[in-house]
Amino acid sequence: MGTRLGLRRYEVRFLTSGRVPMCEQAEMHEVEAIAAREGIEITALSPGLFKYTEDGASFAREMAEVYGRAAEWAHRWKLPGLIVFGFHKPGATEENAGALPRQTVPTEVVDWLAQAGERAAGDGLLLMIEPEPVCWADSARSAAGLIERAGGGALRINYDPGNVAWMEQRDPIGEFDCAARWIANVHVKDLRPLAQPASRPEFVPAGEGIIGYRAHFAALRGAGYGGPVSLEPHMDGRPETIRRCLEAVERLWKESGREEQE
């Protein structure tokens, strides 16, 4: 379906039997065969690392069981790295994350991230932190702060304005500058304002919600970003929906180039 729409690059996250790479290994090999047959490129794996990790035992287990297998597939597919998350805030859910009071990130979270980054650096991989409302890295700004506290190294940001807008109910363009140097991957989704707190938003194609993607794309161009820009609509999987999202991003990216020139 994607190739019929001209989409030639893909992230791999969930397959039928579960989240990669802890799913059936036959499915991973099937993805590999499809990519080779169709001539498409896999740009990243998102194994869900650290999204619900709250303690040292869970961190050690994920590094031993999930990271190792994900790193093997990343090397096999010649990927730059893995998309990860910034460790779960105890008690945080998608429904209440935006209402939780701001807290100082625990020292152990910084230590875990530094350890993971050091191991990834040794493996020649990047760990790209995706801002997520339920995690300590809940915005590009907080992800950048965590990276700096953890020593940088192999740590980067998977820039996702939609996740931040979901939590903060505003366009997060104001945090771009502090995150720009760390951005290594981009996700695109847009949403309408919440009708009521603690509810799931209505997701829409880029440009139809509260995020000014033209400005975000212009900022990415200005920063010299040349990596993947991935559609992550969180809508239905119909071809017409994917086409709408694709056309919106292509139009806004083109317009952002004109805006940058002006």
Protein backbone atom coordinates (compact mmCIF):
# COMPACT_ATOMS: atom_id res chain seq x y z
CA MET A 1 0.00 0.00 0.00
CA GLY A 2 2.78 2.40 0.89
CA THR A 3 4.80 1.80 -2.23
CA ARG A 4 1.73 2.49 -4.37
CA LEU A 5 1.64 5.91 -2.73
CA GLY A 6 5.33 6.50 -3.40
CA LEU A 7 6.53 5.85 0.15
CA ARG A 8 9.96 4.26 -0.05
CA ARG A 9 11.32 4.56 3.52
CA TYR A 10 9.88 2.96 6.65
CA GLU A 11 10.39 2.66 10.38
CA VAL A 12 9.60 -0.72 11.87
CA ARG A 13 7.73 -0.79 15.17
CA PHE A 14 4.89 -3.33 15.48
CA LEU A 15 4.36 -6.53 13.53
CA THR A 16 1.51 -9.00 13.82
CA SER A 17 3.08 -10.98 16.66
CA GLY A 18 4.25 -7.98 18.70
CA ARG A 19 6.69 -5.12 18.99
CA VAL A 20 10.01 -5.48 17.23
CA PRO A 21 12.37 -7.15 17.80
CA MET A 22 10.69 -9.25 20.52
CA CYS A 23 8.13 -10.57 18.04
CA GLU A 24 8.31 -13.78 16.04
CA GLN A 25 11.71 -13.74 14.34
CA ALA A 26 10.17 -15.17 11.17
CA GLU A 27 8.28 -11.90 10.82
CA MET A 28 11.49 -9.90 11.06
CA HIS A 29 12.94 -12.01 8.26
CA GLU A 30 9.75 -11.48 6.25
CA VAL A 31 10.13 -7.71 6.60
CA GLU A 32 13.73 -8.04 5.45
CA ALA A 33 12.63 -10.04 2.40
CA ILE A 34 9.89 -7.55 1.52
CA ALA A 35 12.32 -4.63 1.77
CA ALA A 36 14.76 -6.38 -0.55
CA ARG A 37 12.07 -7.39 -3.02
CA GLU A 38 10.37 -3.99 -3.13
CA GLY A 39 13.59 -1.97 -3.07
CA ILE A 40 12.55 0.03 0.00
CA GLU A 41 14.67 1.33 2.86
CA ILE A 42 14.22 0.71 6.58
CA THR A 43 15.35 3.82 8.45
CA ALA A 44 14.94 2.89 12.13
CA LEU A 45 13.64 0.38 14.65
CA SER A 46 11.40 1.43 17.53
CA PRO A 47 11.55 -1.39 20.09
CA GLY A 48 9.80 0.58 22.85
CA LEU A 49 12.89 0.73 25.06
CA PHE A 50 12.42 2.59 28.36
CA LYS A 51 8.83 3.74 27.72
CA TYR A 52 7.56 1.99 30.84
CA THR A 53 10.88 1.56 32.67
CA GLU A 54 10.80 2.92 36.24
CA ASP A 55 13.48 1.04 38.21
CA GLY A 56 16.99 -0.34 37.92
CA ALA A 57 15.87 -3.95 37.57
CA SER A 58 13.60 -3.13 34.63
CA PHE A 59 16.36 -1.09 33.00
CA ALA A 60 18.87 -3.93 33.35
CA ARG A 61 16.36 -6.42 31.96
CA GLU A 62 15.55 -4.26 28.93
CA MET A 63 19.22 -3.68 28.18
CA ALA A 64 19.92 -7.42 28.45
CA GLU A 65 16.91 -8.72 26.56
CA VAL A 66 15.56 -6.02 24.23
CA TYR A 67 18.48 -3.73 23.47
CA GLY A 68 20.84 -6.54 22.50
CA ARG A 69 18.45 -8.10 20.03
CA ALA A 70 17.45 -4.69 18.62
CA ALA A 71 21.10 -3.75 18.16
CA GLU A 72 21.72 -6.97 16.23
CA TRP A 73 18.90 -6.15 13.80
CA ALA A 74 20.03 -2.54 13.52
CA HIS A 75 23.48 -3.71 12.45
CA ARG A 76 22.01 -6.33 10.12
CA TRP A 77 19.89 -3.67 8.40
CA LYS A 78 22.66 -1.03 8.53
CA LEU A 79 20.53 1.41 10.54
CA PRO A 80 21.93 4.49 12.30
CA GLY A 81 20.24 3.61 15.56
CA LEU A 82 17.13 2.90 17.61
CA ILE A 83 14.17 5.05 18.63
CA VAL A 84 13.79 4.91 22.42
CA PHE A 85 11.91 6.76 25.17
CA GLY A 86 12.90 8.77 28.21
CA PHE A 87 11.81 6.51 31.11
CA HIS A 88 8.34 6.34 32.62
CA LYS A 89 7.12 8.85 35.18
CA PRO A 90 5.50 6.82 37.98
CA GLY A 91 1.73 7.17 37.86
CA ALA A 92 1.68 8.85 34.45
CA THR A 93 -0.89 7.76 31.88
CA GLU A 94 -1.92 9.20 28.53
CA GLU A 95 -5.00 10.60 30.27
CA ASN A 96 -3.29 12.40 33.18
CA ALA A 97 0.22 13.21 31.91
CA GLY A 98 -0.63 16.78 30.91
CA ALA A 99 -2.00 17.56 34.37
CA LEU A 100 0.86 16.18 36.45
CA PRO A 101 3.01 18.77 38.25
CA ARG A 102 6.53 19.35 36.93
CA GLN A 103 9.18 17.44 38.85
CA THR A 104 12.95 17.25 38.76
CA VAL A 105 14.18 14.27 36.78
CA PRO A 106 15.62 11.69 39.22
CA THR A 107 19.38 11.24 39.08
CA GLU A 108 19.03 7.53 38.38
CA VAL A 109 17.16 8.30 35.14
CA VAL A 110 20.10 10.37 33.93
CA ASP A 111 22.47 7.58 34.97
CA TRP A 112 20.45 4.94 33.10
CA LEU A 113 20.39 7.08 29.98
CA ALA A 114 24.13 7.68 30.21
CA GLN A 115 24.75 3.92 30.54
CA ALA A 116 22.53 3.14 27.58
CA GLY A 117 24.18 5.86 25.52
CA GLU A 118 27.63 4.57 26.37
CA ARG A 119 26.72 1.05 25.30
CA ALA A 120 25.14 2.32 22.07
CA ALA A 121 28.25 4.36 21.31
CA GLY A 122 30.35 1.25 21.73
CA ASP A 123 28.03 -0.53 19.29
CA GLY A 124 28.22 2.30 16.76
CA LEU A 125 24.52 3.17 17.17
CA LEU A 126 22.47 6.22 18.10
CA LEU A 127 19.64 6.20 20.65
CA MET A 128 17.00 8.68 19.45
CA ILE A 129 14.75 9.73 22.34
CA GLU A 130 11.13 10.27 21.36
CA PRO A 131 9.35 12.80 23.60
CA GLU A 132 6.35 11.09 25.15
CA PRO A 133 3.87 12.58 27.68
CA VAL A 134 4.16 9.64 30.11
CA CYS A 135 7.97 9.81 30.22
CA TRP A 136 10.48 12.10 31.93
CA ALA A 137 11.57 13.16 28.45
CA ASP A 138 8.13 14.56 27.66
CA SER A 139 9.20 17.32 25.27
CA ALA A 140 12.08 18.08 22.92
CA ARG A 141 13.31 20.59 25.50
CA SER A 142 13.36 18.03 28.31
CA ALA A 143 14.93 15.42 26.04
CA ALA A 144 17.70 17.87 25.15
CA GLY A 145 18.26 18.60 28.83
CA LEU A 146 18.49 14.90 29.63
CA ILE A 147 20.96 14.33 26.80
CA GLU A 148 23.16 17.15 28.03
CA ARG A 149 23.07 15.89 31.63
CA ALA A 150 23.88 12.36 30.40
CA GLY A 151 26.89 13.56 28.46
CA GLY A 152 25.57 13.56 24.89
CA GLY A 153 27.59 10.92 23.10
CA ALA A 154 25.35 8.59 21.10
CA LEU A 155 22.12 10.19 22.39
CA ARG A 156 19.88 12.12 20.01
CA ILE A 157 16.25 13.25 19.68
CA ASN A 158 13.44 11.77 17.63
CA TYR A 159 11.63 15.10 17.09
CA ASP A 160 7.86 14.66 17.52
CA PRO A 161 5.92 17.93 17.92
CA GLY A 162 2.64 15.99 17.95
CA ASN A 163 3.44 14.16 21.18
CA VAL A 164 4.38 17.43 22.89
CA ALA A 165 1.28 19.23 21.59
CA TRP A 166 -0.85 16.36 22.91
CA MET A 167 0.47 16.99 26.42
CA GLU A 168 0.75 20.79 26.35
CA GLN A 169 -2.18 21.61 24.02
CA ARG A 170 -0.12 24.11 22.06
CA ASP A 171 2.31 24.24 19.19
CA PRO A 172 5.79 23.52 20.67
CA ILE A 173 7.77 25.43 18.00
CA GLY A 174 9.30 27.55 20.79
CA GLU A 175 11.46 24.64 21.97
CA PHE A 176 12.98 23.88 18.57
CA ASP A 177 16.18 25.88 19.01
CA CYS A 178 17.25 24.11 22.20
CA ALA A 179 16.70 20.71 20.55
CA ALA A 180 17.97 21.40 17.02
CA ARG A 181 21.53 20.16 17.45
CA TRP A 182 20.31 16.77 18.71
CA ILE A 183 17.59 15.98 16.13
CA ALA A 184 18.28 12.78 14.18
CA ASN A 185 14.76 11.63 13.22
CA VAL A 186 11.36 13.30 12.82
CA HIS A 187 7.77 12.11 13.34
CA VAL A 188 4.79 14.02 11.94
CA LYS A 189 1.25 13.99 13.28
CA ASP A 190 -1.21 16.78 14.03
CA LEU A 191 -4.21 17.05 16.34
CA ARG A 192 -7.14 19.24 17.19
CA PRO A 193 -7.43 20.82 20.66
CA LEU A 194 -8.82 18.48 23.27
CA ALA A 195 -12.56 18.83 23.73
CA GLN A 196 -12.02 18.04 27.40
CA PRO A 197 -9.00 17.28 29.58
CA ALA A 198 -7.87 13.68 29.99
CA SER A 199 -9.16 12.55 26.62
CA ARG A 200 -7.60 11.18 23.47
CA PRO A 201 -7.29 13.89 20.82
CA GLU A 202 -8.65 13.83 17.30
CA PHE A 203 -5.63 13.34 15.04
CA VAL A 204 -5.61 15.00 11.63
CA PRO A 205 -3.19 15.43 8.70
CA ALA A 206 -0.40 17.98 9.18
CA GLY A 207 -1.67 21.52 8.79
CA GLU A 208 -5.23 20.75 9.92
CA GLY A 209 -4.54 20.93 13.66
CA ILE A 210 -2.77 23.11 16.21
CA ILE A 211 0.80 22.58 14.95
CA GLY A 212 2.30 24.98 12.42
CA TYR A 213 4.32 22.40 10.54
CA ARG A 214 5.39 24.89 7.90
CA ALA A 215 7.40 26.68 10.60
CA HIS A 216 8.76 23.41 12.00
CA PHE A 217 9.88 22.29 8.54
CA ALA A 218 11.46 25.69 7.86
CA ALA A 219 13.34 25.39 11.16
CA LEU A 220 14.52 21.89 10.24
CA ARG A 221 15.71 23.15 6.86
CA GLY A 222 17.48 26.06 8.52
CA ALA A 223 19.24 23.68 10.89
CA GLY A 224 20.46 21.62 7.95
CA TYR A 225 18.39 18.57 8.82
CA GLY A 226 18.57 15.89 6.12
CA GLY A 227 17.26 12.77 7.85
CA PRO A 228 13.95 10.90 7.63
CA VAL A 229 10.58 12.59 8.09
CA SER A 230 8.13 9.86 9.05
CA LEU A 231 4.37 9.92 8.81
CA GLU A 232 2.85 8.84 12.12
CA PRO A 233 -0.79 9.86 11.68
CA HIS A 234 -2.38 7.88 14.55
CA MET A 235 -5.46 7.81 12.33
CA ASP A 236 -6.93 4.90 10.38
CA GLY A 237 -4.87 2.89 7.93
CA ARG A 238 -6.94 3.53 4.81
CA PRO A 239 -5.02 4.41 1.64
CA GLU A 240 -6.96 7.67 1.24
CA THR A 241 -5.99 8.73 4.77
CA ILE A 242 -2.33 7.96 4.18
CA ARG A 243 -2.49 9.85 0.88
CA ARG A 244 -3.95 12.92 2.62
CA CYS A 245 -1.18 12.85 5.23
CA LEU A 246 1.53 12.36 2.60
CA GLU A 247 0.26 15.16 0.38
CA ALA A 248 -0.04 17.51 3.35
CA VAL A 249 3.57 16.90 4.42
CA GLU A 250 4.89 17.25 0.86
CA ARG A 251 3.00 20.53 0.40
CA LEU A 252 4.09 21.99 3.74
CA TRP A 253 7.71 20.93 3.21
CA LYS A 254 7.72 22.66 -0.19
CA GLU A 255 6.10 25.78 1.25
CA SER A 256 8.62 25.81 4.11
CA GLY A 257 11.38 26.11 1.56
CA ARG A 258 9.81 29.23 0.09
CA GLU A 259 9.24 30.59 3.59
CA GLU A 260 12.91 30.05 4.47
CA GLN A 261 14.00 31.91 1.33
CA GLU A 262 11.77 34.86 2.18
